[in-house]
């Protein structure tokens, strides 16, 4: 399976997005700010890629 950053399928990317959201929440809950910030960066990238893929699919 491709890493989400190599995918252009929004459905494929939506799975890691959900996982990354949970990772951010857990890190903040455990006061691991560095881990949370890193996961947040990944989440923002994945969400952006997912939105781009959705727009491409709708065209």
Protein backbone atom coordinates (compact mmCIF):
# COMPACT_ATOMS: atom_id res chain seq x y z
CA UNK A 1 0.00 0.00 0.00
CA UNK A 2 1.23 3.49 -0.88
CA UNK A 3 2.00 6.08 1.75
CA UNK A 4 -0.80 8.67 1.85
CA UNK A 5 1.52 11.32 0.43
CA UNK A 6 1.92 9.27 -2.75
CA UNK A 7 -1.79 8.70 -3.27
CA UNK A 8 -4.21 10.68 -5.39
CA UNK A 9 -7.29 8.79 -4.16
CA UNK A 10 -9.20 10.79 -1.56
CA UNK A 11 -10.74 7.63 -0.10
CA UNK A 12 -7.30 6.14 0.45
CA UNK A 13 -6.09 9.36 2.09
CA UNK A 14 -9.12 9.62 4.38
CA UNK A 15 -7.97 6.58 6.39
CA UNK A 16 -4.63 8.09 7.48
CA UNK A 17 -6.36 11.43 8.11
CA UNK A 18 -8.59 9.80 10.71
CA UNK A 19 -5.58 8.06 12.25
CA UNK A 20 -3.55 11.27 12.34
CA UNK A 21 -6.42 13.10 14.07
CA UNK A 22 -6.39 10.48 16.81
CA UNK A 23 -2.61 10.71 17.07
CA UNK A 24 -2.79 14.50 17.55
CA UNK A 25 -5.50 14.16 20.19
CA UNK A 26 -3.57 11.50 22.13
CA UNK A 27 -0.36 13.52 22.04
CA UNK A 28 -2.08 16.66 23.32
CA UNK A 29 -3.91 14.68 25.98
CA UNK A 30 -0.58 13.25 27.19
CA UNK A 31 1.03 16.74 27.05
CA UNK A 32 3.56 15.68 24.42
CA UNK A 33 3.61 19.00 22.61
CA UNK A 34 6.46 18.13 20.24
CA UNK A 35 4.77 14.93 19.09
CA UNK A 36 1.45 16.73 18.79
CA UNK A 37 2.95 19.50 16.67
CA UNK A 38 4.63 16.99 14.36
CA UNK A 39 1.43 14.97 13.98
CA UNK A 40 -0.52 18.19 13.39
CA UNK A 41 1.81 19.11 10.53
CA UNK A 42 1.27 15.67 8.97
CA UNK A 43 -2.48 15.99 9.48
CA UNK A 44 -2.63 19.36 7.75
CA UNK A 45 -0.67 18.01 4.80
CA UNK A 46 -2.85 14.92 4.53
CA UNK A 47 -6.07 16.95 4.74
CA UNK A 48 -4.82 19.30 2.05
CA UNK A 49 -3.90 16.36 -0.19
CA UNK A 50 -7.32 14.80 0.46
CA UNK A 51 -9.15 18.02 -0.51
CA UNK A 52 -7.08 18.28 -3.70
CA UNK A 53 -7.92 14.69 -4.58
CA UNK A 54 -11.64 15.32 -4.01
CA UNK A 55 -11.56 18.37 -6.29
CA UNK A 56 -9.79 16.38 -9.02
CA UNK A 57 -12.37 13.62 -8.76
CA UNK A 58 -15.28 16.08 -9.06
CA UNK A 59 -13.97 17.58 -12.32
